[in-house]
Each structure stands twice: as structure tokens, then as C-alpha cells.
Amino acid sequence: MTAPENDEQFTVVRNEEEQYSVWWSDRTLPAGWFDAGFTGTRQECLDHIDRVWIDMRPASLRRFMTANRAA
């Protein structure tokens, strides 16, 4: 039997497009995702993501828009 979700430890993960998610701390990260440096309960991780992910556009889109703004 697994522990209740609020007792499980999660890790905030981020991909190359600077998109965030949560992942179980005791599992191997899926390909393309990296530890973003925060661990806690699922809710703590979601709260952290709410604080740090202020621009939800993918990084490639932000770079494209910045490069084409000058044109």
C-alpha cells in the first residue's frame, strides 16, 4: 500500500523549454526533464511552481518573439 499523496515527496522538474511539472522524488526523471531544485509535498511543489513560472510561453517562443521584435 502506498502512502497518502500528501505524504509523498515530489520534485519540481523543468524541461529545456522552461516548462515546469512535478515528479515523484523516488522515481527516475523522464527523458528531457531536469531537477529544478525544489522538493516537497505535491502541493508545496505546485505552490513553488506558481511562484516561479511567471511566463508560461515555451522558451523557444519567447526567444523568437524577442528576436523578431527588433525587426
PDB file of N, CA and C in Angstrom:
ATOM      1  N   MET A   1       0.847  -1.179   0.000  1.00  0.00           N
ATOM      2  CA  MET A   1       0.000   0.000   0.000  1.00  0.00           C
ATOM      3  C   MET A   1       0.886   1.233   0.000  1.00  0.00           C
ATOM      4  N   THR A   2       0.550   2.224  -0.802  1.00  0.00           N
ATOM      5  CA  THR A   2       1.366   3.429  -0.889  1.00  0.00           C
ATOM      6  C   THR A   2       0.891   4.450   0.134  1.00  0.00           C
ATOM      7  N   ALA A   3       1.788   5.374   0.468  1.00  0.00           N
ATOM      8  CA  ALA A   3       1.454   6.446   1.410  1.00  0.00           C
ATOM      9  C   ALA A   3       0.468   7.407   0.767  1.00  0.00           C
ATOM     10  N   PRO A   4      -0.320   8.096   1.596  1.00  0.00           N
ATOM     11  CA  PRO A   4      -1.215   9.105   1.020  1.00  0.00           C
ATOM     12  C   PRO A   4      -0.423  10.138   0.241  1.00  0.00           C
ATOM     13  N   GLU A   5      -1.044  10.686  -0.804  1.00  0.00           N
ATOM     14  CA  GLU A   5      -0.364  11.620  -1.698  1.00  0.00           C
ATOM     15  C   GLU A   5       0.253  12.800  -0.959  1.00  0.00           C
ATOM     16  N   ASN A   6      -0.393  13.305   0.087  1.00  0.00           N
ATOM     17  CA  ASN A   6       0.140  14.475   0.778  1.00  0.00           C
ATOM     18  C   ASN A   6       1.379  14.141   1.598  1.00  0.00           C
ATOM     19  N   ASP A   7       1.701  12.857   1.789  1.00  0.00           N
ATOM     20  CA  ASP A   7       2.920  12.464   2.485  1.00  0.00           C
ATOM     21  C   ASP A   7       4.049  12.104   1.516  1.00  0.00           C
ATOM     22  N   GLU A   8       3.720  11.911   0.251  1.00  0.00           N
ATOM     23  CA  GLU A   8       4.732  11.572  -0.738  1.00  0.00           C
ATOM     24  C   GLU A   8       5.614  12.789  -1.018  1.00  0.00           C
ATOM     25  N   GLN A   9       6.847  12.527  -1.373  1.00  0.00           N
ATOM     26  CA  GLN A   9       7.767  13.597  -1.741  1.00  0.00           C
ATOM     27  C   GLN A   9       7.835  13.711  -3.257  1.00  0.00           C
ATOM     28  N   PHE A  10       7.765  14.928  -3.711  1.00  0.00           N
ATOM     29  CA  PHE A  10       7.829  15.229  -5.131  1.00  0.00           C
ATOM     30  C   PHE A  10       8.982  16.182  -5.381  1.00  0.00           C
ATOM     31  N   THR A  11       9.396  16.256  -6.629  1.00  0.00           N
ATOM     32  CA  THR A  11      10.450  17.164  -7.055  1.00  0.00           C
ATOM     33  C   THR A  11       9.897  18.028  -8.178  1.00  0.00           C
ATOM     34  N   VAL A  12      10.214  19.311  -8.134  1.00  0.00           N
ATOM     35  CA  VAL A  12       9.859  20.189  -9.243  1.00  0.00           C
ATOM     36  C   VAL A  12      10.858  19.924 -10.359  1.00  0.00           C
ATOM     37  N   VAL A  13      10.356  19.697 -11.548  1.00  0.00           N
ATOM     38  CA  VAL A  13      11.200  19.427 -12.710  1.00  0.00           C
ATOM     39  C   VAL A  13      10.921  20.467 -13.784  1.00  0.00           C
ATOM     40  N   ARG A  14      11.921  20.644 -14.650  1.00  0.00           N
ATOM     41  CA  ARG A  14      11.801  21.624 -15.733  1.00  0.00           C
ATOM     42  C   ARG A  14      12.407  21.022 -16.987  1.00  0.00           C
ATOM     43  N   ASN A  15      11.834  21.358 -18.134  1.00  0.00           N
ATOM     44  CA  ASN A  15      12.395  20.859 -19.393  1.00  0.00           C
ATOM     45  C   ASN A  15      13.162  21.982 -20.101  1.00  0.00           C
ATOM     46  N   GLU A  16      13.703  21.681 -21.270  1.00  0.00           N
ATOM     47  CA  GLU A  16      14.511  22.657 -21.999  1.00  0.00           C
ATOM     48  C   GLU A  16      13.700  23.861 -22.460  1.00  0.00           C
ATOM     49  N   GLU A  17      12.399  23.730 -22.533  1.00  0.00           N
ATOM     50  CA  GLU A  17      11.524  24.851 -22.902  1.00  0.00           C
ATOM     51  C   GLU A  17      11.132  25.672 -21.674  1.00  0.00           C
ATOM     52  N   GLU A  18      11.738  25.346 -20.527  1.00  0.00           N
ATOM     53  CA  GLU A  18      11.493  26.035 -19.260  1.00  0.00           C
ATOM     54  C   GLU A  18      10.039  25.907 -18.802  1.00  0.00           C
ATOM     55  N   GLN A  19       9.466  24.735 -19.077  1.00  0.00           N
ATOM     56  CA  GLN A  19       8.141  24.387 -18.596  1.00  0.00           C
ATOM     57  C   GLN A  19       8.320  23.538 -17.346  1.00  0.00           C
ATOM     58  N   TYR A  20       7.469  23.732 -16.365  1.00  0.00           N
ATOM     59  CA  TYR A  20       7.602  23.069 -15.071  1.00  0.00           C
ATOM     60  C   TYR A  20       6.550  21.989 -14.874  1.00  0.00           C
ATOM     61  N   SER A  21       6.892  21.028 -14.021  1.00  0.00           N
ATOM     62  CA  SER A  21       5.975  19.978 -13.619  1.00  0.00           C
ATOM     63  C   SER A  21       6.453  19.417 -12.290  1.00  0.00           C
ATOM     64  N   VAL A  22       5.697  18.464 -11.746  1.00  0.00           N
ATOM     65  CA  VAL A  22       6.128  17.765 -10.538  1.00  0.00           C
ATOM     66  C   VAL A  22       6.334  16.302 -10.885  1.00  0.00           C
ATOM     67  N   TRP A  23       7.273  15.679 -10.179  1.00  0.00           N
ATOM     68  CA  TRP A  23       7.589  14.279 -10.416  1.00  0.00           C
ATOM     69  C   TRP A  23       7.900  13.638  -9.082  1.00  0.00           C
ATOM     70  N   TRP A  24       7.579  12.366  -8.926  1.00  0.00           N
ATOM     71  CA  TRP A  24       7.850  11.648  -7.694  1.00  0.00           C
ATOM     72  C   TRP A  24       9.351  11.652  -7.420  1.00  0.00           C
ATOM     73  N   SER A  25       9.743  11.989  -6.204  1.00  0.00           N
ATOM     74  CA  SER A  25      11.166  12.083  -5.860  1.00  0.00           C
ATOM     75  C   SER A  25      11.893  10.751  -5.918  1.00  0.00           C
ATOM     76  N   ASP A  26      11.163   9.660  -5.731  1.00  0.00           N
ATOM     77  CA  ASP A  26      11.821   8.352  -5.705  1.00  0.00           C
ATOM     78  C   ASP A  26      11.841   7.661  -7.065  1.00  0.00           C
ATOM     79  N   ARG A  27      11.468   8.373  -8.117  1.00  0.00           N
ATOM     80  CA  ARG A  27      11.469   7.779  -9.461  1.00  0.00           C
ATOM     81  C   ARG A  27      12.487   8.490 -10.351  1.00  0.00           C
ATOM     82  N   THR A  28      12.984   7.759 -11.316  1.00  0.00           N
ATOM     83  CA  THR A  28      13.907   8.329 -12.296  1.00  0.00           C
ATOM     84  C   THR A  28      13.166   9.366 -13.131  1.00  0.00           C
ATOM     85  N   LEU A  29      13.824  10.490 -13.379  1.00  0.00           N
ATOM     86  CA  LEU A  29      13.193  11.545 -14.172  1.00  0.00           C
ATOM     87  C   LEU A  29      12.990  11.082 -15.609  1.00  0.00           C
ATOM     88  N   PRO A  30      11.890  11.476 -16.228  1.00  0.00           N
ATOM     89  CA  PRO A  30      11.683  11.109 -17.626  1.00  0.00           C
ATOM     90  C   PRO A  30      12.668  11.868 -18.520  1.00  0.00           C
ATOM     91  N   ALA A  31      12.929  11.328 -19.673  1.00  0.00           N
ATOM     92  CA  ALA A  31      13.850  11.955 -20.626  1.00  0.00           C
ATOM     93  C   ALA A  31      13.413  13.390 -20.914  1.00  0.00           C
ATOM     94  N   GLY A  32      14.385  14.285 -20.933  1.00  0.00           N
ATOM     95  CA  GLY A  32      14.105  15.675 -21.266  1.00  0.00           C
ATOM     96  C   GLY A  32      13.723  16.549 -20.087  1.00  0.00           C
ATOM     97  N   TRP A  33      13.628  15.984 -18.904  1.00  0.00           N
ATOM     98  CA  TRP A  33      13.265  16.738 -17.708  1.00  0.00           C
ATOM     99  C   TRP A  33      14.423  16.733 -16.732  1.00  0.00           C
ATOM    100  N   PHE A  34      14.589  17.862 -16.011  1.00  0.00           N
ATOM    101  CA  PHE A  34      15.708  18.047 -15.097  1.00  0.00           C
ATOM    102  C   PHE A  34      15.203  18.534 -13.752  1.00  0.00           C
ATOM    103  N   ASP A  35      15.901  18.169 -12.708  1.00  0.00           N
ATOM    104  CA  ASP A  35      15.567  18.618 -11.356  1.00  0.00           C
ATOM    105  C   ASP A  35      15.701  20.138 -11.298  1.00  0.00           C
ATOM    106  N   ALA A  36      14.654  20.829 -10.858  1.00  0.00           N
ATOM    107  CA  ALA A  36      14.659  22.292 -10.787  1.00  0.00           C
ATOM    108  C   ALA A  36      15.059  22.788  -9.401  1.00  0.00           C
ATOM    109  N   GLY A  37      15.430  21.884  -8.505  1.00  0.00           N
ATOM    110  CA  GLY A  37      15.982  22.298  -7.221  1.00  0.00           C
ATOM    111  C   GLY A  37      14.992  22.508  -6.093  1.00  0.00           C
ATOM    112  N   PHE A  38      13.791  21.952  -6.195  1.00  0.00           N
ATOM    113  CA  PHE A  38      12.816  22.085  -5.107  1.00  0.00           C
ATOM    114  C   PHE A  38      12.140  20.747  -4.892  1.00  0.00           C
ATOM    115  N   THR A  39      12.056  20.327  -3.645  1.00  0.00           N
ATOM    116  CA  THR A  39      11.407  19.077  -3.274  1.00  0.00           C
ATOM    117  C   THR A  39      10.457  19.341  -2.117  1.00  0.00           C
ATOM    118  N   GLY A  40       9.319  18.665  -2.119  1.00  0.00           N
ATOM    119  CA  GLY A  40       8.349  18.796  -1.039  1.00  0.00           C
ATOM    120  C   GLY A  40       7.130  17.952  -1.337  1.00  0.00           C
ATOM    121  N   THR A  41       6.045  18.247  -0.628  1.00  0.00           N
ATOM    122  CA  THR A  41       4.795  17.560  -0.944  1.00  0.00           C
ATOM    123  C   THR A  41       4.329  18.028  -2.315  1.00  0.00           C
ATOM    124  N   ARG A  42       3.374  17.330  -2.869  1.00  0.00           N
ATOM    125  CA  ARG A  42       2.859  17.724  -4.181  1.00  0.00           C
ATOM    126  C   ARG A  42       2.359  19.162  -4.141  1.00  0.00           C
ATOM    127  N   GLN A  43       1.610  19.514  -3.102  1.00  0.00           N
ATOM    128  CA  GLN A  43       1.067  20.866  -3.011  1.00  0.00           C
ATOM    129  C   GLN A  43       2.167  21.914  -2.840  1.00  0.00           C
ATOM    130  N   GLU A  44       3.187  21.609  -2.039  1.00  0.00           N
ATOM    131  CA  GLU A  44       4.312  22.539  -1.886  1.00  0.00           C
ATOM    132  C   GLU A  44       5.011  22.767  -3.224  1.00  0.00           C
ATOM    133  N   CYS A  45       5.165  21.696  -3.994  1.00  0.00           N
ATOM    134  CA  CYS A  45       5.792  21.827  -5.310  1.00  0.00           C
ATOM    135  C   CYS A  45       4.926  22.651  -6.260  1.00  0.00           C
ATOM    136  N   LEU A  46       3.625  22.410  -6.239  1.00  0.00           N
ATOM    137  CA  LEU A  46       2.722  23.200  -7.087  1.00  0.00           C
ATOM    138  C   LEU A  46       2.739  24.667  -6.679  1.00  0.00           C
ATOM    139  N   ASP A  47       2.788  24.939  -5.386  1.00  0.00           N
ATOM    140  CA  ASP A  47       2.872  26.323  -4.909  1.00  0.00           C
ATOM    141  C   ASP A  47       4.174  26.974  -5.365  1.00  0.00           C
ATOM    142  N   HIS A  48       5.270  26.226  -5.321  1.00  0.00           N
ATOM    143  CA  HIS A  48       6.559  26.744  -5.790  1.00  0.00           C
ATOM    144  C   HIS A  48       6.487  27.075  -7.279  1.00  0.00           C
ATOM    145  N   ILE A  49       5.911  26.180  -8.066  1.00  0.00           N
ATOM    146  CA  ILE A  49       5.772  26.425  -9.499  1.00  0.00           C
ATOM    147  C   ILE A  49       4.956  27.692  -9.743  1.00  0.00           C
ATOM    148  N   ASP A  50       3.880  27.890  -8.990  1.00  0.00           N
ATOM    149  CA  ASP A  50       3.075  29.111  -9.123  1.00  0.00           C
ATOM    150  C   ASP A  50       3.904  30.366  -8.889  1.00  0.00           C
ATOM    151  N   ARG A  51       4.889  30.276  -7.990  1.00  0.00           N
ATOM    152  CA  ARG A  51       5.739  31.445  -7.690  1.00  0.00           C
ATOM    153  C   ARG A  51       6.802  31.692  -8.752  1.00  0.00           C
ATOM    154  N   VAL A  52       7.346  30.638  -9.339  1.00  0.00           N
ATOM    155  CA  VAL A  52       8.497  30.823 -10.227  1.00  0.00           C
ATOM    156  C   VAL A  52       8.172  30.793 -11.721  1.00  0.00           C
ATOM    157  N   TRP A  53       7.082  30.174 -12.116  1.00  0.00           N
ATOM    158  CA  TRP A  53       6.759  30.056 -13.541  1.00  0.00           C
ATOM    159  C   TRP A  53       5.842  31.208 -13.921  1.00  0.00           C
ATOM    160  N   ILE A  54       6.448  32.352 -14.176  1.00  0.00           N
ATOM    161  CA  ILE A  54       5.656  33.559 -14.392  1.00  0.00           C
ATOM    162  C   ILE A  54       5.306  33.800 -15.859  1.00  0.00           C
ATOM    163  N   ASP A  55       6.008  33.156 -16.768  1.00  0.00           N
ATOM    164  CA  ASP A  55       5.720  33.287 -18.194  1.00  0.00           C
ATOM    165  C   ASP A  55       5.587  31.884 -18.758  1.00  0.00           C
ATOM    166  N   MET A  56       4.373  31.477 -19.053  1.00  0.00           N
ATOM    167  CA  MET A  56       4.116  30.097 -19.438  1.00  0.00           C
ATOM    168  C   MET A  56       4.412  29.800 -20.906  1.00  0.00           C
ATOM    169  N   ARG A  57       4.822  30.813 -21.657  1.00  0.00           N
ATOM    170  CA  ARG A  57       5.185  30.543 -23.051  1.00  0.00           C
ATOM    171  C   ARG A  57       6.472  29.713 -23.083  1.00  0.00           C
ATOM    172  N   PRO A  58       6.577  28.760 -24.019  1.00  0.00           N
ATOM    173  CA  PRO A  58       7.815  27.995 -24.141  1.00  0.00           C
ATOM    174  C   PRO A  58       8.997  28.937 -24.410  1.00  0.00           C
ATOM    175  N   ALA A  59      10.175  28.562 -23.933  1.00  0.00           N
ATOM    176  CA  ALA A  59      11.371  29.393 -24.095  1.00  0.00           C
ATOM    177  C   ALA A  59      11.653  29.700 -25.558  1.00  0.00           C
ATOM    178  N   SER A  60      11.453  28.735 -26.436  1.00  0.00           N
ATOM    179  CA  SER A  60      11.722  28.972 -27.864  1.00  0.00           C
ATOM    180  C   SER A  60      10.797  30.052 -28.426  1.00  0.00           C
ATOM    181  N   LEU A  61       9.564  30.098 -28.001  1.00  0.00           N
ATOM    182  CA  LEU A  61       8.644  31.131 -28.448  1.00  0.00           C
ATOM    183  C   LEU A  61       9.059  32.497 -27.911  1.00  0.00           C
ATOM    184  N   ARG A  62       9.467  32.556 -26.643  1.00  0.00           N
ATOM    185  CA  ARG A  62       9.927  33.829 -26.079  1.00  0.00           C
ATOM    186  C   ARG A  62      11.144  34.346 -26.835  1.00  0.00           C
ATOM    187  N   ARG A  63      12.085  33.460 -27.143  1.00  0.00           N
ATOM    188  CA  ARG A  63      13.272  33.873 -27.891  1.00  0.00           C
ATOM    189  C   ARG A  63      12.888  34.352 -29.284  1.00  0.00           C
ATOM    190  N   PHE A  64      11.993  33.648 -29.954  1.00  0.00           N
ATOM    191  CA  PHE A  64      11.546  34.036 -31.295  1.00  0.00           C
ATOM    192  C   PHE A  64      10.887  35.411 -31.255  1.00  0.00           C
ATOM    193  N   MET A  65      10.019  35.618 -30.293  1.00  0.00           N
ATOM    194  CA  MET A  65       9.309  36.904 -30.206  1.00  0.00           C
ATOM    195  C   MET A  65      10.284  38.035 -29.896  1.00  0.00           C
ATOM    196  N   THR A  66      11.273  37.794 -29.045  1.00  0.00           N
ATOM    197  CA  THR A  66      12.260  38.817 -28.733  1.00  0.00           C
ATOM    198  C   THR A  66      13.103  39.147 -29.958  1.00  0.00           C
ATOM    199  N   ALA A  67      13.527  38.133 -30.697  1.00  0.00           N
ATOM    200  CA  ALA A  67      14.355  38.342 -31.879  1.00  0.00           C
ATOM    201  C   ALA A  67      13.597  39.082 -32.973  1.00  0.00           C
ATOM    202  N   ASN A  68      12.308  38.827 -33.073  1.00  0.00           N
ATOM    203  CA  ASN A  68      11.529  39.450 -34.147  1.00  0.00           C
ATOM    204  C   ASN A  68      10.905  40.781 -33.747  1.00  0.00           C
ATOM    205  N   ARG A  69      11.019  41.139 -32.504  1.00  0.00           N
ATOM    206  CA  ARG A  69      10.511  42.422 -32.042  1.00  0.00           C
ATOM    207  C   ARG A  69      11.317  43.555 -32.653  1.00  0.00           C
ATOM    208  N   ALA A  70      12.615  43.348 -32.808  1.00  0.00           N
ATOM    209  CA  ALA A  70      13.514  44.382 -33.352  1.00  0.00           C
ATOM    210  C   ALA A  70      13.324  44.549 -34.856  1.00  0.00           C
ATOM    211  N   ALA A  71      12.795  43.537 -35.521  1.00  0.00           N
ATOM    212  CA  ALA A  71      12.646  43.593 -36.983  1.00  0.00           C
ATOM    213  C   ALA A  71      11.548  44.507 -37.435  1.00  0.00           C
TER     214      ALA A  71
END
